[in-house]
Amino acid sequence: LTLDDRERWHKGRAYHYIDRSYADAISGAGGLALQLPIQTDPAALVDSLDGLLIPGGDDFPAEGALPDGIVLDLVPPEQLTFDEALFEAASERAIPILGICYGMQLVTKSLGGKVALSKKREYGHAVMTIDDDSDLFAGLSRRENVWMSHGDRIESLPDGFKSIAHTANSPVAAMKNGNGKIFGLQFHPEVV
């Protein structure tokens, strides 16, 4: 869920939105997709969830100076604060978590890893090499075409995580923690 506070639809109003393909994929897998707009008690929301998807959206505030000509559309601060609290509550409850793009970066930063700006933005198709096909990527080919849309990358993984896929530009195109409850994808599976 992303907060659009840039008045793109109506002046003076902010909107929450989510790419419909996320909801369709969750529904297609037998789940019920719920949008979680910014609220004061994220922990209460997590109590009713079986899993948490933190989808792609606006740019994550990564460390480092922007390369010339690069402009980021940063996630609004109140959305970032809410997402961090939601992730913390979901982690404490030990429900499965999947972070996609922005969500992977949020997971990384929240758990002590490092997110930094890439020297090269990655937008469009990329070839991803799967390094661990034991769970999330079981049954897939060793090389898969994926869709990337980011200007940052994981520089160091949080403790207890390992990279499970990479591309030529992203040494961590996917990651998981040791207990297999938290995954992160740099690519956008909803696009391919």
C-alpha atoms as a PDB file:
ATOM      1  CA  LEU A   1       0.000   0.000   0.000  1.00  0.00           C
ATOM      2  CA  THR A   2       1.412   3.366  -0.954  1.00  0.00           C
ATOM      3  CA  LEU A   3       0.419   6.831   0.174  1.00  0.00           C
ATOM      4  CA  ASP A   4       0.088   9.335  -2.657  1.00  0.00           C
ATOM      5  CA  ASP A   5       0.372  12.724  -0.988  1.00  0.00           C
ATOM      6  CA  ARG A   6       1.262  14.576  -4.175  1.00  0.00           C
ATOM      7  CA  GLU A   7      -2.295  15.646  -5.011  1.00  0.00           C
ATOM      8  CA  ARG A   8      -2.272  13.778  -8.328  1.00  0.00           C
ATOM      9  CA  TRP A   9      -6.047  13.256  -8.304  1.00  0.00           C
ATOM     10  CA  HIS A  10      -7.570  16.024  -6.183  1.00  0.00           C
ATOM     11  CA  LYS A  11      -5.872  19.079  -4.729  1.00  0.00           C
ATOM     12  CA  GLY A  12      -5.574  18.905  -0.948  1.00  0.00           C
ATOM     13  CA  ARG A  13      -6.268  15.160  -0.691  1.00  0.00           C
ATOM     14  CA  ALA A  14      -3.955  12.193  -0.180  1.00  0.00           C
ATOM     15  CA  TYR A  15      -4.816   8.697  -1.423  1.00  0.00           C
ATOM     16  CA  HIS A  16      -3.710   5.181  -0.582  1.00  0.00           C
ATOM     17  CA  TYR A  17      -3.316   2.868  -3.538  1.00  0.00           C
ATOM     18  CA  ILE A  18      -1.930  -0.537  -4.445  1.00  0.00           C
ATOM     19  CA  ASP A  19      -1.167  -2.120  -7.775  1.00  0.00           C
ATOM     20  CA  ARG A  20      -4.106  -4.442  -8.426  1.00  0.00           C
ATOM     21  CA  SER A  21      -1.825  -7.248  -9.582  1.00  0.00           C
ATOM     22  CA  TYR A  22      -0.639  -7.750  -5.973  1.00  0.00           C
ATOM     23  CA  ALA A  23      -4.223  -8.243  -4.763  1.00  0.00           C
ATOM     24  CA  ASP A  24      -5.017 -10.505  -7.740  1.00  0.00           C
ATOM     25  CA  ALA A  25      -1.993 -12.720  -7.000  1.00  0.00           C
ATOM     26  CA  ILE A  26      -2.906 -13.054  -3.317  1.00  0.00           C
ATOM     27  CA  SER A  27      -6.505 -13.850  -4.197  1.00  0.00           C
ATOM     28  CA  GLY A  28      -5.376 -16.338  -6.867  1.00  0.00           C
ATOM     29  CA  ALA A  29      -3.333 -18.155  -4.201  1.00  0.00           C
ATOM     30  CA  GLY A  30      -6.410 -18.494  -1.976  1.00  0.00           C
ATOM     31  CA  GLY A  31      -5.750 -15.529   0.298  1.00  0.00           C
ATOM     32  CA  LEU A  32      -7.636 -12.345   1.034  1.00  0.00           C
ATOM     33  CA  ALA A  33      -5.732  -9.169   0.208  1.00  0.00           C
ATOM     34  CA  LEU A  34      -6.318  -6.310   2.617  1.00  0.00           C
ATOM     35  CA  GLN A  35      -5.095  -2.762   2.150  1.00  0.00           C
ATOM     36  CA  LEU A  36      -3.732  -1.341   5.380  1.00  0.00           C
ATOM     37  CA  PRO A  37      -3.916   2.451   5.313  1.00  0.00           C
ATOM     38  CA  ILE A  38      -1.855   4.447   7.777  1.00  0.00           C
ATOM     39  CA  GLN A  39      -3.328   4.023  11.250  1.00  0.00           C
ATOM     40  CA  THR A  40      -2.166   4.739  14.773  1.00  0.00           C
ATOM     41  CA  ASP A  41      -1.856   1.125  15.933  1.00  0.00           C
ATOM     42  CA  PRO A  42      -0.072  -1.089  13.367  1.00  0.00           C
ATOM     43  CA  ALA A  43       0.319  -3.904  15.912  1.00  0.00           C
ATOM     44  CA  ALA A  44      -3.473  -4.229  16.175  1.00  0.00           C
ATOM     45  CA  LEU A  45      -3.663  -4.603  12.386  1.00  0.00           C
ATOM     46  CA  VAL A  46      -1.019  -7.337  12.369  1.00  0.00           C
ATOM     47  CA  ASP A  47      -2.994  -9.382  14.901  1.00  0.00           C
ATOM     48  CA  SER A  48      -5.560 -10.115  12.181  1.00  0.00           C
ATOM     49  CA  LEU A  49      -3.038 -11.114   9.481  1.00  0.00           C
ATOM     50  CA  ASP A  50      -1.650 -14.482   8.400  1.00  0.00           C
ATOM     51  CA  GLY A  51       1.151 -12.841   6.410  1.00  0.00           C
ATOM     52  CA  LEU A  52       2.401  -9.436   5.331  1.00  0.00           C
ATOM     53  CA  LEU A  53       3.308  -8.208   1.852  1.00  0.00           C
ATOM     54  CA  ILE A  54       5.187  -4.912   1.743  1.00  0.00           C
ATOM     55  CA  PRO A  55       4.950  -4.072  -1.965  1.00  0.00           C
ATOM     56  CA  GLY A  56       6.985  -1.894  -4.249  1.00  0.00           C
ATOM     57  CA  GLY A  57       6.102   1.746  -4.417  1.00  0.00           C
ATOM     58  CA  ASP A  58       7.938   5.009  -4.049  1.00  0.00           C
ATOM     59  CA  ASP A  59      11.700   5.147  -3.661  1.00  0.00           C
ATOM     60  CA  PHE A  60      13.298   4.157  -0.384  1.00  0.00           C
ATOM     61  CA  PRO A  61      15.560   6.806   1.192  1.00  0.00           C
ATOM     62  CA  ALA A  62      18.891   5.059   0.581  1.00  0.00           C
ATOM     63  CA  GLU A  63      22.317   6.188   1.757  1.00  0.00           C
ATOM     64  CA  GLY A  64      24.603   8.067  -0.608  1.00  0.00           C
ATOM     65  CA  ALA A  65      24.614  10.940  -3.061  1.00  0.00           C
ATOM     66  CA  LEU A  66      22.400  10.821  -6.122  1.00  0.00           C
ATOM     67  CA  PRO A  67      24.160  10.422  -9.469  1.00  0.00           C
ATOM     68  CA  ASP A  68      23.766  13.371 -11.844  1.00  0.00           C
ATOM     69  CA  GLY A  69      20.361  13.518 -13.497  1.00  0.00           C
ATOM     70  CA  ILE A  70      18.675  11.114 -11.047  1.00  0.00           C
ATOM     71  CA  VAL A  71      15.589  12.318  -9.197  1.00  0.00           C
ATOM     72  CA  LEU A  72      13.906  10.093  -6.625  1.00  0.00           C
ATOM     73  CA  ASP A  73      10.211   9.999  -5.775  1.00  0.00           C
ATOM     74  CA  LEU A  74      10.728   9.284  -2.068  1.00  0.00           C
ATOM     75  CA  VAL A  75       8.118   7.527   0.021  1.00  0.00           C
ATOM     76  CA  PRO A  76       6.316  10.071   2.247  1.00  0.00           C
ATOM     77  CA  PRO A  77       7.789  10.101   5.795  1.00  0.00           C
ATOM     78  CA  GLU A  78       4.484   9.126   7.453  1.00  0.00           C
ATOM     79  CA  GLN A  79       4.177   6.106   5.140  1.00  0.00           C
ATOM     80  CA  LEU A  80       7.747   5.025   5.908  1.00  0.00           C
ATOM     81  CA  THR A  81       7.157   5.366   9.668  1.00  0.00           C
ATOM     82  CA  PHE A  82       3.934   3.334   9.438  1.00  0.00           C
ATOM     83  CA  ASP A  83       5.561   0.640   7.269  1.00  0.00           C
ATOM     84  CA  GLU A  84       8.483   0.315   9.689  1.00  0.00           C
ATOM     85  CA  ALA A  85       6.088  -0.106  12.635  1.00  0.00           C
ATOM     86  CA  LEU A  86       3.980  -2.603  10.670  1.00  0.00           C
ATOM     87  CA  PHE A  87       7.080  -4.628   9.773  1.00  0.00           C
ATOM     88  CA  GLU A  88       8.297  -4.578  13.384  1.00  0.00           C
ATOM     89  CA  ALA A  89       4.917  -5.820  14.647  1.00  0.00           C
ATOM     90  CA  ALA A  90       4.769  -8.563  11.988  1.00  0.00           C
ATOM     91  CA  SER A  91       8.334  -9.649  12.843  1.00  0.00           C
ATOM     92  CA  GLU A  92       7.530  -9.860  16.542  1.00  0.00           C
ATOM     93  CA  ARG A  93       4.480 -11.980  15.759  1.00  0.00           C
ATOM     94  CA  ALA A  94       6.623 -14.137  13.428  1.00  0.00           C
ATOM     95  CA  ILE A  95       4.161 -14.172  10.533  1.00  0.00           C
ATOM     96  CA  PRO A  96       5.546 -14.691   7.019  1.00  0.00           C
ATOM     97  CA  ILE A  97       6.709 -11.459   5.377  1.00  0.00           C
ATOM     98  CA  LEU A  98       7.468 -10.727   1.732  1.00  0.00           C
ATOM     99  CA  GLY A  99       9.051  -7.399   0.837  1.00  0.00           C
ATOM    100  CA  ILE A 100       9.083  -6.420  -2.833  1.00  0.00           C
ATOM    101  CA  CYS A 101      11.500  -3.710  -4.021  1.00  0.00           C
ATOM    102  CA  TYR A 102      10.737  -0.893  -1.526  1.00  0.00           C
ATOM    103  CA  GLY A 103       9.577  -3.614   0.887  1.00  0.00           C
ATOM    104  CA  MET A 104      12.890  -5.482   0.592  1.00  0.00           C
ATOM    105  CA  GLN A 105      14.795  -2.292   1.253  1.00  0.00           C
ATOM    106  CA  LEU A 106      12.623  -1.508   4.272  1.00  0.00           C
ATOM    107  CA  VAL A 107      13.230  -5.013   5.679  1.00  0.00           C
ATOM    108  CA  THR A 108      16.974  -4.644   5.115  1.00  0.00           C
ATOM    109  CA  LYS A 109      17.270  -1.238   6.759  1.00  0.00           C
ATOM    110  CA  SER A 110      14.939  -2.166   9.644  1.00  0.00           C
ATOM    111  CA  LEU A 111      17.094  -5.181  10.537  1.00  0.00           C
ATOM    112  CA  GLY A 112      20.466  -3.458  10.341  1.00  0.00           C
ATOM    113  CA  GLY A 113      21.480  -4.071   6.737  1.00  0.00           C
ATOM    114  CA  LYS A 114      22.556  -1.317   4.369  1.00  0.00           C
ATOM    115  CA  VAL A 115      20.640   0.097   1.404  1.00  0.00           C
ATOM    116  CA  ALA A 116      22.696   2.362  -0.873  1.00  0.00           C
ATOM    117  CA  LEU A 117      22.183   4.077  -4.186  1.00  0.00           C
ATOM    118  CA  SER A 118      23.330   2.123  -7.219  1.00  0.00           C
ATOM    119  CA  LYS A 119      25.780   3.592  -9.668  1.00  0.00           C
ATOM    120  CA  LYS A 120      23.359   2.433 -12.350  1.00  0.00           C
ATOM    121  CA  ARG A 121      19.561   2.475 -12.237  1.00  0.00           C
ATOM    122  CA  GLU A 122      17.927  -0.747 -13.296  1.00  0.00           C
ATOM    123  CA  TYR A 123      14.653  -0.371 -15.179  1.00  0.00           C
ATOM    124  CA  GLY A 124      13.146  -3.030 -17.373  1.00  0.00           C
ATOM    125  CA  HIS A 125      13.893  -6.659 -18.047  1.00  0.00           C
ATOM    126  CA  ALA A 126      16.861  -8.320 -16.383  1.00  0.00           C
ATOM    127  CA  VAL A 127      18.119 -11.875 -16.204  1.00  0.00           C
ATOM    128  CA  MET A 128      18.158 -13.159 -12.644  1.00  0.00           C
ATOM    129  CA  THR A 129      20.287 -16.114 -11.583  1.00  0.00           C
ATOM    130  CA  ILE A 130      18.772 -18.203  -8.792  1.00  0.00           C
ATOM    131  CA  ASP A 131      21.391 -19.282  -6.258  1.00  0.00           C
ATOM    132  CA  ASP A 132      19.046 -21.124  -3.858  1.00  0.00           C
ATOM    133  CA  ASP A 133      15.948 -22.897  -5.159  1.00  0.00           C
ATOM    134  CA  SER A 134      15.057 -24.654  -1.913  1.00  0.00           C
ATOM    135  CA  ASP A 135      11.798 -22.834  -1.185  1.00  0.00           C
ATOM    136  CA  LEU A 136      10.649 -19.567  -2.767  1.00  0.00           C
ATOM    137  CA  PHE A 137      12.123 -20.423  -6.161  1.00  0.00           C
ATOM    138  CA  ALA A 138      11.466 -24.178  -6.109  1.00  0.00           C
ATOM    139  CA  GLY A 139      10.567 -25.443  -9.564  1.00  0.00           C
ATOM    140  CA  LEU A 140      11.911 -22.406 -11.443  1.00  0.00           C
ATOM    141  CA  SER A 141      14.751 -22.389 -13.949  1.00  0.00           C
ATOM    142  CA  ARG A 142      18.195 -21.367 -12.738  1.00  0.00           C
ATOM    143  CA  ARG A 143      17.905 -18.216 -14.886  1.00  0.00           C
ATOM    144  CA  GLU A 144      14.658 -16.256 -14.992  1.00  0.00           C
ATOM    145  CA  ASN A 145      13.641 -13.059 -16.763  1.00  0.00           C
ATOM    146  CA  VAL A 146      12.444 -10.492 -14.224  1.00  0.00           C
ATOM    147  CA  TRP A 147      11.362  -6.847 -14.197  1.00  0.00           C
ATOM    148  CA  MET A 148      13.486  -4.360 -12.249  1.00  0.00           C
ATOM    149  CA  SER A 149      12.665  -0.770 -11.358  1.00  0.00           C
ATOM    150  CA  HIS A 150      15.083   0.699  -8.829  1.00  0.00           C
ATOM    151  CA  GLY A 151      18.009   3.027  -8.321  1.00  0.00           C
ATOM    152  CA  ASP A 152      19.330   1.493  -5.121  1.00  0.00           C
ATOM    153  CA  ARG A 153      20.580  -1.861  -3.956  1.00  0.00           C
ATOM    154  CA  ILE A 154      21.343  -3.917  -0.890  1.00  0.00           C
ATOM    155  CA  GLU A 155      24.970  -3.248   0.057  1.00  0.00           C
ATOM    156  CA  SER A 156      24.977  -5.469   3.133  1.00  0.00           C
ATOM    157  CA  LEU A 157      22.399  -7.998   4.256  1.00  0.00           C
ATOM    158  CA  PRO A 158      20.882  -7.979   7.733  1.00  0.00           C
ATOM    159  CA  ASP A 159      22.314 -10.558  10.135  1.00  0.00           C
ATOM    160  CA  GLY A 160      20.800 -13.993   9.557  1.00  0.00           C
ATOM    161  CA  PHE A 161      19.913 -13.309   5.886  1.00  0.00           C
ATOM    162  CA  LYS A 162      21.428 -14.670   2.710  1.00  0.00           C
ATOM    163  CA  SER A 163      21.178 -13.742  -0.942  1.00  0.00           C
ATOM    164  CA  ILE A 164      19.217 -16.331  -2.926  1.00  0.00           C
ATOM    165  CA  ALA A 165      19.377 -14.683  -6.377  1.00  0.00           C
ATOM    166  CA  HIS A 166      21.337 -12.009  -8.228  1.00  0.00           C
ATOM    167  CA  THR A 167      21.483 -10.085 -11.488  1.00  0.00           C
ATOM    168  CA  ALA A 168      24.419  -8.425 -13.248  1.00  0.00           C
ATOM    169  CA  ASN A 169      23.567  -5.128 -11.484  1.00  0.00           C
ATOM    170  CA  SER A 170      22.097  -6.405  -8.200  1.00  0.00           C
ATOM    171  CA  PRO A 171      24.179  -8.784  -6.103  1.00  0.00           C
ATOM    172  CA  VAL A 172      21.068  -9.295  -3.961  1.00  0.00           C
ATOM    173  CA  ALA A 173      18.062  -9.668  -6.272  1.00  0.00           C
ATOM    174  CA  ALA A 174      16.332 -11.834  -3.640  1.00  0.00           C
ATOM    175  CA  MET A 175      17.055 -12.710  -0.016  1.00  0.00           C
ATOM    176  CA  LYS A 176      15.690 -14.762   2.846  1.00  0.00           C
ATOM    177  CA  ASN A 177      16.294 -15.112   6.557  1.00  0.00           C
ATOM    178  CA  GLY A 178      17.477 -18.291   8.243  1.00  0.00           C
ATOM    179  CA  ASN A 179      14.049 -19.467   9.390  1.00  0.00           C
ATOM    180  CA  GLY A 180      12.465 -18.915   5.965  1.00  0.00           C
ATOM    181  CA  LYS A 181       9.772 -16.564   7.303  1.00  0.00           C
ATOM    182  CA  ILE A 182      11.050 -13.320   5.740  1.00  0.00           C
ATOM    183  CA  PHE A 183      11.834 -12.925   2.051  1.00  0.00           C
ATOM    184  CA  GLY A 184      12.779  -9.938  -0.057  1.00  0.00           C
ATOM    185  CA  LEU A 185      12.644  -9.484  -3.821  1.00  0.00           C
ATOM    186  CA  GLN A 186      14.337  -6.598  -5.610  1.00  0.00           C
ATOM    187  CA  PHE A 187      12.387  -7.404  -8.777  1.00  0.00           C
ATOM    188  CA  HIS A 188       8.663  -6.994  -9.412  1.00  0.00           C
ATOM    189  CA  PRO A 189       7.013 -10.420  -9.827  1.00  0.00           C
ATOM    190  CA  GLU A 190       3.677  -8.745 -10.517  1.00  0.00           C
ATOM    191  CA  VAL A 191       5.035  -7.376 -13.805  1.00  0.00           C
ATOM    192  CA  VAL A 192       6.477 -10.519 -15.416  1.00  0.00           C
END
